[in-house]
Amino acid sequence: MANSPILNIKQEFLEYVEIERGRSIKTVENYDRYLSRFFEHAQIKNPKDITETNIREFRLWLNRQPGAKNKDKNTMKRRTQNYYLIALRSFLKFLAKRGISALAPEKIELAKTEARELDLMSSEELTRLLNSPDTTQVKGLRDKAMLELFFSTGLRVSELVSLPRELDLTKDEFSIRGKGDKVRVVFISDEARKAVKAYLDKRDDMDDALFVQVPNKSGKNVLAKKASMRLSARSIERIVQGYAVKSGISRKVTPHVIRHSFATDLLSNGADLRSVQALLGHANITTTQVYTHVTDKHLRDIHKNFHGKNRGKK
């Protein structure tokens, strides 16, 4: 397949996704991996080689692949399988847009997926997590600011990583460029504002990033020779999980779990789904609907408290 036309077209598609569609580098890399796996499995050399038959065979093969978490028992999740199909369908749409004869994109139907389950923290666990950093140390002040910002804004970890040091803390809002290169406004609570200010007041470096590595106990910074001391997304994920363990939370806690807590907190206190969608930066309302279990509970409480009160009365 080294010199096959499909690889050249795939490269054009990936450039289109990155430049014209404005997708992130990570999305482009995923699309590349998903398509390459299909092309290799089905021995695709030209767009006309893509058929309903080899797509069905590929889907069967995917469905029999071991899952990532338990290679002995689980098969690949339907949701993960759909990522491959979404990439392939987008590729076929690109071909149609370019006038290249190939299988119609609508011939690909996504697999039915199970309802997504959220591993949420209780309000008590969230409180313990937010209060777990030792704020007598600069590192603790940094981590306290980080956790409070996550809960106050519902930011994705990639969005928090990109925050500049020069946040305007005189306002209760700031703009963030999020997924799909879309800009949205997020709001900062008084608690988060105080935590960020306390952290910045103790910073003695000149780095432009908001969240940076703090020198170790010896006073040396292992990143001092690098252009920036900005924390990576992976480092922040490890920090969050470390505080979860410290707080006695047995389940895995990630920045995205705090984002879930942000959304459910809003909904349980009366916010409507459309507003939460905007605050989370979801392009589609169906993505936000994963949180409807919160509103369902609210409706159940209303039914319990108000339904049938006059029954049996004369």
C-alpha atoms as a PDB file:
ATOM      1  CA  MET A   1       0.000   0.000   0.000  1.00  0.00           C
ATOM      2  CA  ALA A   2       3.055   2.272   0.094  1.00  0.00           C
ATOM      3  CA  ASN A   3       2.276   3.936  -3.260  1.00  0.00           C
ATOM      4  CA  SER A   4      -1.503   3.468  -3.323  1.00  0.00           C
ATOM      5  CA  PRO A   5      -3.648   6.486  -4.294  1.00  0.00           C
ATOM      6  CA  ILE A   6      -5.756   6.124  -1.148  1.00  0.00           C
ATOM      7  CA  LEU A   7      -2.857   7.240   1.046  1.00  0.00           C
ATOM      8  CA  ASN A   8      -2.422  10.476  -0.898  1.00  0.00           C
ATOM      9  CA  ILE A   9      -6.156  11.167  -0.665  1.00  0.00           C
ATOM     10  CA  LYS A  10      -6.105  10.364   3.051  1.00  0.00           C
ATOM     11  CA  GLN A  11      -3.338  12.922   3.570  1.00  0.00           C
ATOM     12  CA  GLU A  12      -5.427  15.554   1.726  1.00  0.00           C
ATOM     13  CA  PHE A  13      -8.379  14.652   3.949  1.00  0.00           C
ATOM     14  CA  LEU A  14      -6.339  14.999   7.151  1.00  0.00           C
ATOM     15  CA  GLU A  15      -5.090  18.418   6.026  1.00  0.00           C
ATOM     16  CA  TYR A  16      -8.694  19.396   5.244  1.00  0.00           C
ATOM     17  CA  VAL A  17      -9.808  18.281   8.712  1.00  0.00           C
ATOM     18  CA  GLU A  18      -7.053  20.281  10.397  1.00  0.00           C
ATOM     19  CA  ILE A  19      -7.151  23.468   8.311  1.00  0.00           C
ATOM     20  CA  GLU A  20     -10.681  23.861   6.935  1.00  0.00           C
ATOM     21  CA  ARG A  21     -12.595  22.085   9.677  1.00  0.00           C
ATOM     22  CA  GLY A  22     -10.366  23.477  12.424  1.00  0.00           C
ATOM     23  CA  ARG A  23     -10.043  20.201  14.326  1.00  0.00           C
ATOM     24  CA  SER A  24      -7.327  19.677  16.909  1.00  0.00           C
ATOM     25  CA  ILE A  25      -4.062  17.892  16.149  1.00  0.00           C
ATOM     26  CA  LYS A  26      -5.210  15.069  18.454  1.00  0.00           C
ATOM     27  CA  THR A  27      -8.394  14.597  16.403  1.00  0.00           C
ATOM     28  CA  VAL A  28      -6.375  14.543  13.184  1.00  0.00           C
ATOM     29  CA  GLU A  29      -4.048  11.913  14.645  1.00  0.00           C
ATOM     30  CA  ASN A  30      -7.017   9.781  15.708  1.00  0.00           C
ATOM     31  CA  TYR A  31      -8.620  10.022  12.265  1.00  0.00           C
ATOM     32  CA  ASP A  32      -5.317   8.973  10.715  1.00  0.00           C
ATOM     33  CA  ARG A  33      -5.101   5.931  12.986  1.00  0.00           C
ATOM     34  CA  TYR A  34      -8.726   4.871  12.465  1.00  0.00           C
ATOM     35  CA  LEU A  35      -8.554   5.152   8.663  1.00  0.00           C
ATOM     36  CA  SER A  36      -5.156   3.473   8.411  1.00  0.00           C
ATOM     37  CA  ARG A  37      -6.422   0.525  10.413  1.00  0.00           C
ATOM     38  CA  PHE A  38      -9.422   0.129   8.090  1.00  0.00           C
ATOM     39  CA  PHE A  39      -7.364   0.544   4.894  1.00  0.00           C
ATOM     40  CA  GLU A  40      -4.866  -2.053   6.083  1.00  0.00           C
ATOM     41  CA  HIS A  41      -7.525  -4.529   7.178  1.00  0.00           C
ATOM     42  CA  ALA A  42      -9.563  -4.230   3.961  1.00  0.00           C
ATOM     43  CA  GLN A  43      -6.528  -3.790   1.690  1.00  0.00           C
ATOM     44  CA  ILE A  44      -7.888  -0.535   0.292  1.00  0.00           C
ATOM     45  CA  LYS A  45      -5.836   1.017  -2.509  1.00  0.00           C
ATOM     46  CA  ASN A  46      -8.428   3.208  -4.224  1.00  0.00           C
ATOM     47  CA  PRO A  47     -11.656   4.899  -3.042  1.00  0.00           C
ATOM     48  CA  LYS A  48     -13.702   2.522  -5.211  1.00  0.00           C
ATOM     49  CA  ASP A  49     -12.344  -0.385  -3.134  1.00  0.00           C
ATOM     50  CA  ILE A  50     -14.427   0.756  -0.140  1.00  0.00           C
ATOM     51  CA  THR A  51     -17.589  -1.362  -0.122  1.00  0.00           C
ATOM     52  CA  GLU A  52     -20.387  -2.204   2.265  1.00  0.00           C
ATOM     53  CA  THR A  53     -19.017  -5.743   2.406  1.00  0.00           C
ATOM     54  CA  ASN A  54     -15.492  -4.875   3.577  1.00  0.00           C
ATOM     55  CA  ILE A  55     -16.901  -2.307   6.010  1.00  0.00           C
ATOM     56  CA  ARG A  56     -19.148  -4.988   7.504  1.00  0.00           C
ATOM     57  CA  GLU A  57     -16.189  -7.381   7.747  1.00  0.00           C
ATOM     58  CA  PHE A  58     -14.136  -4.649   9.439  1.00  0.00           C
ATOM     59  CA  ARG A  59     -16.937  -4.004  11.926  1.00  0.00           C
ATOM     60  CA  LEU A  60     -17.065  -7.684  12.793  1.00  0.00           C
ATOM     61  CA  TRP A  61     -13.303  -7.663  13.301  1.00  0.00           C
ATOM     62  CA  LEU A  62     -13.497  -4.581  15.537  1.00  0.00           C
ATOM     63  CA  ASN A  63     -16.285  -6.138  17.579  1.00  0.00           C
ATOM     64  CA  ARG A  64     -14.075  -9.124  18.344  1.00  0.00           C
ATOM     65  CA  GLN A  65     -11.076  -7.084  19.468  1.00  0.00           C
ATOM     66  CA  PRO A  66     -10.269  -7.126  23.197  1.00  0.00           C
ATOM     67  CA  GLY A  67     -11.250  -4.134  25.279  1.00  0.00           C
ATOM     68  CA  ALA A  68      -8.590  -1.838  26.635  1.00  0.00           C
ATOM     69  CA  LYS A  69      -9.338  -2.442  30.329  1.00  0.00           C
ATOM     70  CA  ASN A  70      -9.702  -6.206  30.503  1.00  0.00           C
ATOM     71  CA  LYS A  71      -8.185  -8.046  27.581  1.00  0.00           C
ATOM     72  CA  ASP A  72      -9.466 -11.419  28.766  1.00  0.00           C
ATOM     73  CA  LYS A  73     -13.160 -10.624  29.204  1.00  0.00           C
ATOM     74  CA  ASN A  74     -14.217  -7.431  27.449  1.00  0.00           C
ATOM     75  CA  THR A  75     -14.489  -6.680  23.772  1.00  0.00           C
ATOM     76  CA  MET A  76     -13.964  -3.240  22.282  1.00  0.00           C
ATOM     77  CA  LYS A  77     -16.715  -0.876  23.391  1.00  0.00           C
ATOM     78  CA  ARG A  78     -19.372   0.039  20.836  1.00  0.00           C
ATOM     79  CA  ARG A  79     -18.615   3.687  21.451  1.00  0.00           C
ATOM     80  CA  THR A  80     -14.960   3.105  20.505  1.00  0.00           C
ATOM     81  CA  GLN A  81     -15.982   1.116  17.432  1.00  0.00           C
ATOM     82  CA  ASN A  82     -18.125   4.056  16.357  1.00  0.00           C
ATOM     83  CA  TYR A  83     -15.076   6.333  16.358  1.00  0.00           C
ATOM     84  CA  TYR A  84     -13.717   4.303  13.432  1.00  0.00           C
ATOM     85  CA  LEU A  85     -17.021   4.557  11.591  1.00  0.00           C
ATOM     86  CA  ILE A  86     -17.307   8.301  12.200  1.00  0.00           C
ATOM     87  CA  ALA A  87     -13.822   8.812  10.754  1.00  0.00           C
ATOM     88  CA  LEU A  88     -14.646   6.666   7.717  1.00  0.00           C
ATOM     89  CA  ARG A  89     -17.967   8.431   7.163  1.00  0.00           C
ATOM     90  CA  SER A  90     -16.227  11.818   7.331  1.00  0.00           C
ATOM     91  CA  PHE A  91     -13.680  10.567   4.806  1.00  0.00           C
ATOM     92  CA  LEU A  92     -16.450   9.464   2.428  1.00  0.00           C
ATOM     93  CA  LYS A  93     -18.148  12.864   2.785  1.00  0.00           C
ATOM     94  CA  PHE A  94     -14.827  14.468   1.863  1.00  0.00           C
ATOM     95  CA  LEU A  95     -14.606  12.272  -1.241  1.00  0.00           C
ATOM     96  CA  ALA A  96     -18.134  13.254  -2.263  1.00  0.00           C
ATOM     97  CA  LYS A  97     -17.284  16.916  -1.719  1.00  0.00           C
ATOM     98  CA  ARG A  98     -14.254  16.519  -3.996  1.00  0.00           C
ATOM     99  CA  GLY A  99     -16.321  14.714  -6.663  1.00  0.00           C
ATOM    100  CA  ILE A 100     -14.450  11.430  -6.166  1.00  0.00           C
ATOM    101  CA  SER A 101     -16.641   8.397  -6.834  1.00  0.00           C
ATOM    102  CA  ALA A 102     -16.965   6.230  -3.729  1.00  0.00           C
ATOM    103  CA  LEU A 103     -19.483   4.624  -1.373  1.00  0.00           C
ATOM    104  CA  ALA A 104     -22.194   7.003  -0.157  1.00  0.00           C
ATOM    105  CA  PRO A 105     -21.488   8.172   3.448  1.00  0.00           C
ATOM    106  CA  GLU A 106     -25.085   7.480   4.523  1.00  0.00           C
ATOM    107  CA  LYS A 107     -24.483   3.766   3.884  1.00  0.00           C
ATOM    108  CA  ILE A 108     -22.574   3.692   7.182  1.00  0.00           C
ATOM    109  CA  GLU A 109     -24.765   3.438  10.259  1.00  0.00           C
ATOM    110  CA  LEU A 110     -23.309   3.762  13.713  1.00  0.00           C
ATOM    111  CA  ALA A 111     -23.726   0.946  16.202  1.00  0.00           C
ATOM    112  CA  LYS A 112     -26.271   1.311  18.980  1.00  0.00           C
ATOM    113  CA  THR A 113     -24.443   2.201  22.171  1.00  0.00           C
ATOM    114  CA  GLU A 114     -25.299   1.604  25.769  1.00  0.00           C
ATOM    115  CA  ALA A 115     -26.313   4.579  27.879  1.00  0.00           C
ATOM    116  CA  ARG A 116     -23.206   6.308  29.153  1.00  0.00           C
ATOM    117  CA  GLU A 117     -22.637   5.978  32.867  1.00  0.00           C
ATOM    118  CA  LEU A 118     -21.022   8.785  34.804  1.00  0.00           C
ATOM    119  CA  ASP A 119     -18.742   8.006  37.713  1.00  0.00           C
ATOM    120  CA  LEU A 120     -19.682  11.010  39.821  1.00  0.00           C
ATOM    121  CA  MET A 121     -18.328  12.182  43.132  1.00  0.00           C
ATOM    122  CA  SER A 122     -20.704  12.926  45.968  1.00  0.00           C
ATOM    123  CA  SER A 123     -20.856  16.497  47.248  1.00  0.00           C
ATOM    124  CA  GLU A 124     -18.950  15.386  50.352  1.00  0.00           C
ATOM    125  CA  GLU A 125     -16.189  13.824  48.242  1.00  0.00           C
ATOM    126  CA  LEU A 126     -15.979  16.941  46.091  1.00  0.00           C
ATOM    127  CA  THR A 127     -15.616  19.133  49.175  1.00  0.00           C
ATOM    128  CA  ARG A 128     -12.851  16.911  50.539  1.00  0.00           C
ATOM    129  CA  LEU A 129     -11.060  17.030  47.191  1.00  0.00           C
ATOM    130  CA  LEU A 130     -11.225  20.818  46.910  1.00  0.00           C
ATOM    131  CA  ASN A 131      -9.924  21.239  50.461  1.00  0.00           C
ATOM    132  CA  SER A 132      -7.147  18.632  50.246  1.00  0.00           C
ATOM    133  CA  PRO A 133      -4.169  20.781  49.077  1.00  0.00           C
ATOM    134  CA  ASP A 134      -1.836  22.132  51.752  1.00  0.00           C
ATOM    135  CA  THR A 135      -2.135  25.877  51.146  1.00  0.00           C
ATOM    136  CA  THR A 136       0.809  26.704  53.385  1.00  0.00           C
ATOM    137  CA  GLN A 137       3.008  25.686  50.442  1.00  0.00           C
ATOM    138  CA  VAL A 138       3.212  27.219  46.941  1.00  0.00           C
ATOM    139  CA  LYS A 139       2.500  23.824  45.389  1.00  0.00           C
ATOM    140  CA  GLY A 140      -0.645  23.496  47.488  1.00  0.00           C
ATOM    141  CA  LEU A 141      -1.764  27.006  46.545  1.00  0.00           C
ATOM    142  CA  ARG A 142      -1.269  26.128  42.878  1.00  0.00           C
ATOM    143  CA  ASP A 143      -3.207  22.894  43.184  1.00  0.00           C
ATOM    144  CA  LYS A 144      -6.006  24.528  45.198  1.00  0.00           C
ATOM    145  CA  ALA A 145      -6.372  27.149  42.427  1.00  0.00           C
ATOM    146  CA  MET A 146      -6.371  24.409  39.819  1.00  0.00           C
ATOM    147  CA  LEU A 147      -9.090  22.345  41.511  1.00  0.00           C
ATOM    148  CA  GLU A 148     -11.270  25.393  42.237  1.00  0.00           C
ATOM    149  CA  LEU A 149     -10.985  26.553  38.621  1.00  0.00           C
ATOM    150  CA  PHE A 150     -11.967  23.127  37.327  1.00  0.00           C
ATOM    151  CA  PHE A 151     -15.110  23.113  39.456  1.00  0.00           C
ATOM    152  CA  SER A 152     -15.949  26.778  38.894  1.00  0.00           C
ATOM    153  CA  THR A 153     -15.631  26.740  35.109  1.00  0.00           C
ATOM    154  CA  GLY A 154     -16.079  23.147  33.919  1.00  0.00           C
ATOM    155  CA  LEU A 155     -12.944  23.523  31.808  1.00  0.00           C
ATOM    156  CA  ARG A 156     -11.463  20.585  29.946  1.00  0.00           C
ATOM    157  CA  VAL A 157      -7.923  19.750  31.039  1.00  0.00           C
ATOM    158  CA  SER A 158      -6.555  20.899  27.664  1.00  0.00           C
ATOM    159  CA  GLU A 159      -8.284  24.250  28.182  1.00  0.00           C
ATOM    160  CA  LEU A 160      -6.926  24.685  31.694  1.00  0.00           C
ATOM    161  CA  VAL A 161      -3.405  23.851  30.490  1.00  0.00           C
ATOM    162  CA  SER A 162      -3.581  26.672  27.942  1.00  0.00           C
ATOM    163  CA  LEU A 163      -4.560  29.397  30.430  1.00  0.00           C
ATOM    164  CA  PRO A 164      -2.213  32.400  30.530  1.00  0.00           C
ATOM    165  CA  ARG A 165      -0.792  33.823  33.717  1.00  0.00           C
ATOM    166  CA  GLU A 166      -2.396  37.206  33.023  1.00  0.00           C
ATOM    167  CA  LEU A 167      -6.009  36.366  33.866  1.00  0.00           C
ATOM    168  CA  ASP A 168      -8.140  39.416  34.635  1.00  0.00           C
ATOM    169  CA  LEU A 169      -9.284  38.601  38.157  1.00  0.00           C
ATOM    170  CA  THR A 170     -11.252  41.846  38.455  1.00  0.00           C
ATOM    171  CA  LYS A 171     -13.982  40.232  36.372  1.00  0.00           C
ATOM    172  CA  ASP A 172     -16.024  37.124  37.056  1.00  0.00           C
ATOM    173  CA  GLU A 173     -15.600  35.775  33.523  1.00  0.00           C
ATOM    174  CA  PHE A 174     -13.014  35.155  30.836  1.00  0.00           C
ATOM    175  CA  SER A 175     -12.946  33.734  27.321  1.00  0.00           C
ATOM    176  CA  ILE A 176     -11.447  30.371  26.453  1.00  0.00           C
ATOM    177  CA  ARG A 177     -10.683  28.822  23.074  1.00  0.00           C
ATOM    178  CA  GLY A 178     -11.870  25.254  23.413  1.00  0.00           C
ATOM    179  CA  LYS A 179     -12.526  22.126  21.401  1.00  0.00           C
ATOM    180  CA  GLY A 180     -12.959  22.728  17.683  1.00  0.00           C
ATOM    181  CA  ASP A 181     -11.195  26.102  18.091  1.00  0.00           C
ATOM    182  CA  LYS A 182     -14.482  27.580  19.386  1.00  0.00           C
ATOM    183  CA  VAL A 183     -14.447  30.486  21.819  1.00  0.00           C
ATOM    184  CA  ARG A 184     -16.805  30.552  24.795  1.00  0.00           C
ATOM    185  CA  VAL A 185     -17.139  32.497  28.013  1.00  0.00           C
ATOM    186  CA  VAL A 186     -16.632  30.762  31.359  1.00  0.00           C
ATOM    187  CA  PHE A 187     -17.351  32.160  34.798  1.00  0.00           C
ATOM    188  CA  ILE A 188     -15.119  32.142  37.849  1.00  0.00           C
ATOM    189  CA  SER A 189     -16.473  31.835  41.373  1.00  0.00           C
ATOM    190  CA  ASP A 190     -15.300  33.942  44.314  1.00  0.00           C
ATOM    191  CA  GLU A 191     -13.603  30.864  45.776  1.00  0.00           C
ATOM    192  CA  ALA A 192     -11.702  30.191  42.565  1.00  0.00           C
ATOM    193  CA  ARG A 193     -10.736  33.847  42.148  1.00  0.00           C
ATOM    194  CA  LYS A 194      -9.329  33.986  45.697  1.00  0.00           C
ATOM    195  CA  ALA A 195      -7.452  30.725  45.185  1.00  0.00           C
ATOM    196  CA  VAL A 196      -5.873  31.884  41.907  1.00  0.00           C
ATOM    197  CA  LYS A 197      -4.887  35.244  43.422  1.00  0.00           C
ATOM    198  CA  ALA A 198      -3.327  33.572  46.475  1.00  0.00           C
ATOM    199  CA  TYR A 199      -1.319  31.310  44.173  1.00  0.00           C
ATOM    200  CA  LEU A 200      -0.152  34.111  41.865  1.00  0.00           C
ATOM    201  CA  ASP A 201       0.884  36.268  44.844  1.00  0.00           C
ATOM    202  CA  LYS A 202       3.405  33.569  45.805  1.00  0.00           C
ATOM    203  CA  ARG A 203       4.786  33.004  42.295  1.00  0.00           C
ATOM    204  CA  ASP A 204       8.366  34.195  41.868  1.00  0.00           C
ATOM    205  CA  ASP A 205       8.989  33.015  38.292  1.00  0.00           C
ATOM    206  CA  MET A 206       8.452  34.857  35.002  1.00  0.00           C
ATOM    207  CA  ASP A 207       6.685  32.092  33.053  1.00  0.00           C
ATOM    208  CA  ASP A 208       3.650  33.131  30.985  1.00  0.00           C
ATOM    209  CA  ALA A 209       1.622  30.011  31.853  1.00  0.00           C
ATOM    210  CA  LEU A 210      -0.880  30.085  34.701  1.00  0.00           C
ATOM    211  CA  PHE A 211      -0.061  26.627  36.023  1.00  0.00           C
ATOM    212  CA  VAL A 212       3.611  25.733  36.119  1.00  0.00           C
ATOM    213  CA  GLN A 213       5.906  23.292  37.844  1.00  0.00           C
ATOM    214  CA  VAL A 214       6.889  24.322  41.344  1.00  0.00           C
ATOM    215  CA  PRO A 215      10.563  23.876  42.351  1.00  0.00           C
ATOM    216  CA  ASN A 216      11.205  20.757  44.401  1.00  0.00           C
ATOM    217  CA  LYS A 217      12.397  20.765  48.001  1.00  0.00           C
ATOM    218  CA  SER A 218      15.997  21.323  46.958  1.00  0.00           C
ATOM    219  CA  GLY A 219      14.939  24.529  45.241  1.00  0.00           C
ATOM    220  CA  LYS A 220      15.846  23.192  41.817  1.00  0.00           C
ATOM    221  CA  ASN A 221      13.384  23.097  38.939  1.00  0.00           C
ATOM    222  CA  VAL A 222      13.915  20.210  36.525  1.00  0.00           C
ATOM    223  CA  LEU A 223      12.248  22.221  33.745  1.00  0.00           C
ATOM    224  CA  ALA A 224      14.264  25.386  34.296  1.00  0.00           C
ATOM    225  CA  LYS A 225      16.251  24.876  31.109  1.00  0.00           C
ATOM    226  CA  LYS A 226      13.144  24.482  28.966  1.00  0.00           C
ATOM    227  CA  ALA A 227      11.286  27.298  27.226  1.00  0.00           C
ATOM    228  CA  SER A 228       8.274  26.966  29.519  1.00  0.00           C
ATOM    229  CA  MET A 229       7.507  25.415  32.888  1.00  0.00           C
ATOM    230  CA  ARG A 230       3.840  24.983  31.902  1.00  0.00           C
ATOM    231  CA  LEU A 231       2.302  21.820  33.350  1.00  0.00           C
ATOM    232  CA  SER A 232       1.160  19.223  30.830  1.00  0.00           C
ATOM    233  CA  ALA A 233      -2.319  17.720  30.746  1.00  0.00           C
ATOM    234  CA  ARG A 234      -0.896  14.403  31.949  1.00  0.00           C
ATOM    235  CA  SER A 235       0.815  16.075  34.909  1.00  0.00           C
ATOM    236  CA  ILE A 236      -2.433  17.760  35.929  1.00  0.00           C
ATOM    237  CA  GLU A 237      -4.303  14.455  35.661  1.00  0.00           C
ATOM    238  CA  ARG A 238      -1.754  12.850  38.008  1.00  0.00           C
ATOM    239  CA  ILE A 239      -2.060  15.760  40.445  1.00  0.00           C
ATOM    240  CA  VAL A 240      -5.868  15.472  40.543  1.00  0.00           C
ATOM    241  CA  GLN A 241      -5.757  11.715  41.096  1.00  0.00           C
ATOM    242  CA  GLY A 242      -3.165  12.181  43.836  1.00  0.00           C
ATOM    243  CA  TYR A 243      -5.504  14.476  45.753  1.00  0.00           C
ATOM    244  CA  ALA A 244      -8.369  12.027  45.221  1.00  0.00           C
ATOM    245  CA  VAL A 245      -6.324   9.331  46.934  1.00  0.00           C
ATOM    246  CA  LYS A 246      -5.389  11.761  49.690  1.00  0.00           C
ATOM    247  CA  SER A 247      -9.077  12.597  50.148  1.00  0.00           C
ATOM    248  CA  GLY A 248      -9.982   8.931  50.566  1.00  0.00           C
ATOM    249  CA  ILE A 249     -11.869   8.678  47.272  1.00  0.00           C
ATOM    250  CA  SER A 250     -11.418   5.110  46.051  1.00  0.00           C
ATOM    251  CA  ARG A 251     -12.593   5.584  42.454  1.00  0.00           C
ATOM    252  CA  LYS A 252     -10.460   7.143  39.751  1.00  0.00           C
ATOM    253  CA  VAL A 253     -10.914  10.917  39.671  1.00  0.00           C
ATOM    254  CA  THR A 254      -9.859  12.898  36.607  1.00  0.00           C
ATOM    255  CA  PRO A 255     -10.330  16.529  35.556  1.00  0.00           C
ATOM    256  CA  HIS A 256     -13.256  15.290  33.451  1.00  0.00           C
ATOM    257  CA  VAL A 257     -14.930  13.859  36.552  1.00  0.00           C
ATOM    258  CA  ILE A 258     -14.767  17.352  38.096  1.00  0.00           C
ATOM    259  CA  ARG A 259     -16.257  18.684  34.842  1.00  0.00           C
ATOM    260  CA  HIS A 260     -19.129  16.221  35.354  1.00  0.00           C
ATOM    261  CA  SER A 261     -19.557  17.560  38.891  1.00  0.00           C
ATOM    262  CA  PHE A 262     -19.691  21.110  37.501  1.00  0.00           C
ATOM    263  CA  ALA A 263     -22.512  20.156  35.124  1.00  0.00           C
ATOM    264  CA  THR A 264     -24.547  18.127  37.591  1.00  0.00           C
ATOM    265  CA  ASP A 265     -24.199  20.838  40.237  1.00  0.00           C
ATOM    266  CA  LEU A 266     -25.737  23.378  37.845  1.00  0.00           C
ATOM    267  CA  LEU A 267     -28.576  21.092  36.785  1.00  0.00           C
ATOM    268  CA  SER A 268     -29.430  19.953  40.302  1.00  0.00           C
ATOM    269  CA  ASN A 269     -29.744  23.607  41.316  1.00  0.00           C
ATOM    270  CA  GLY A 270     -32.179  24.447  38.531  1.00  0.00           C
ATOM    271  CA  ALA A 271     -30.084  25.334  35.469  1.00  0.00           C
ATOM    272  CA  ASP A 272     -31.583  24.342  32.107  1.00  0.00           C
ATOM    273  CA  LEU A 273     -29.858  21.916  29.774  1.00  0.00           C
ATOM    274  CA  ARG A 274     -29.256  24.484  26.999  1.00  0.00           C
ATOM    275  CA  SER A 275     -27.401  26.803  29.375  1.00  0.00           C
ATOM    276  CA  VAL A 276     -25.253  23.950  30.650  1.00  0.00           C
ATOM    277  CA  GLN A 277     -24.516  22.986  27.052  1.00  0.00           C
ATOM    278  CA  ALA A 278     -23.199  26.495  26.382  1.00  0.00           C
ATOM    279  CA  LEU A 279     -21.136  26.566  29.583  1.00  0.00           C
ATOM    280  CA  LEU A 280     -19.542  23.198  28.784  1.00  0.00           C
ATOM    281  CA  GLY A 281     -18.867  24.163  25.166  1.00  0.00           C
ATOM    282  CA  HIS A 282     -20.742  21.178  23.736  1.00  0.00           C
ATOM    283  CA  ALA A 283     -21.453  21.531  20.021  1.00  0.00           C
ATOM    284  CA  ASN A 284     -24.485  19.255  20.256  1.00  0.00           C
ATOM    285  CA  ILE A 285     -27.192  19.109  22.929  1.00  0.00           C
ATOM    286  CA  THR A 286     -27.164  15.303  22.768  1.00  0.00           C
ATOM    287  CA  THR A 287     -23.700  15.346  24.362  1.00  0.00           C
ATOM    288  CA  THR A 288     -25.066  17.318  27.303  1.00  0.00           C
ATOM    289  CA  GLN A 289     -28.062  15.011  27.676  1.00  0.00           C
ATOM    290  CA  VAL A 290     -25.844  12.481  29.428  1.00  0.00           C
ATOM    291  CA  TYR A 291     -26.555  14.589  32.526  1.00  0.00           C
ATOM    292  CA  THR A 292     -30.355  14.299  32.322  1.00  0.00           C
ATOM    293  CA  HIS A 293     -30.296  11.757  35.157  1.00  0.00           C
ATOM    294  CA  VAL A 294     -29.967  14.793  37.423  1.00  0.00           C
ATOM    295  CA  THR A 295     -33.118  16.432  36.089  1.00  0.00           C
ATOM    296  CA  ASP A 296     -34.840  13.048  36.160  1.00  0.00           C
ATOM    297  CA  LYS A 297     -34.162  12.878  39.909  1.00  0.00           C
ATOM    298  CA  HIS A 298     -35.509  16.401  40.306  1.00  0.00           C
ATOM    299  CA  LEU A 299     -38.716  15.411  38.519  1.00  0.00           C
ATOM    300  CA  ARG A 300     -38.983  12.272  40.646  1.00  0.00           C
ATOM    301  CA  ASP A 301     -38.778  14.388  43.796  1.00  0.00           C
ATOM    302  CA  ILE A 302     -41.465  16.728  42.452  1.00  0.00           C
ATOM    303  CA  HIS A 303     -43.722  13.762  41.661  1.00  0.00           C
ATOM    304  CA  LYS A 304     -43.176  12.299  45.119  1.00  0.00           C
ATOM    305  CA  ASN A 305     -43.850  15.589  46.921  1.00  0.00           C
ATOM    306  CA  PHE A 306     -46.803  16.864  44.924  1.00  0.00           C
ATOM    307  CA  HIS A 307     -48.562  13.980  43.169  1.00  0.00           C
ATOM    308  CA  GLY A 308     -51.786  12.562  44.597  1.00  0.00           C
ATOM    309  CA  LYS A 309     -52.035  14.885  47.573  1.00  0.00           C
ATOM    310  CA  ASN A 310     -55.785  15.316  47.130  1.00  0.00           C
ATOM    311  CA  ARG A 311     -56.518  11.644  46.526  1.00  0.00           C
ATOM    312  CA  GLY A 312     -59.081  10.279  48.978  1.00  0.00           C
ATOM    313  CA  LYS A 313     -60.104  13.713  50.137  1.00  0.00           C
ATOM    314  CA  LYS A 314     -63.803  14.533  50.051  1.00  0.00           C
END
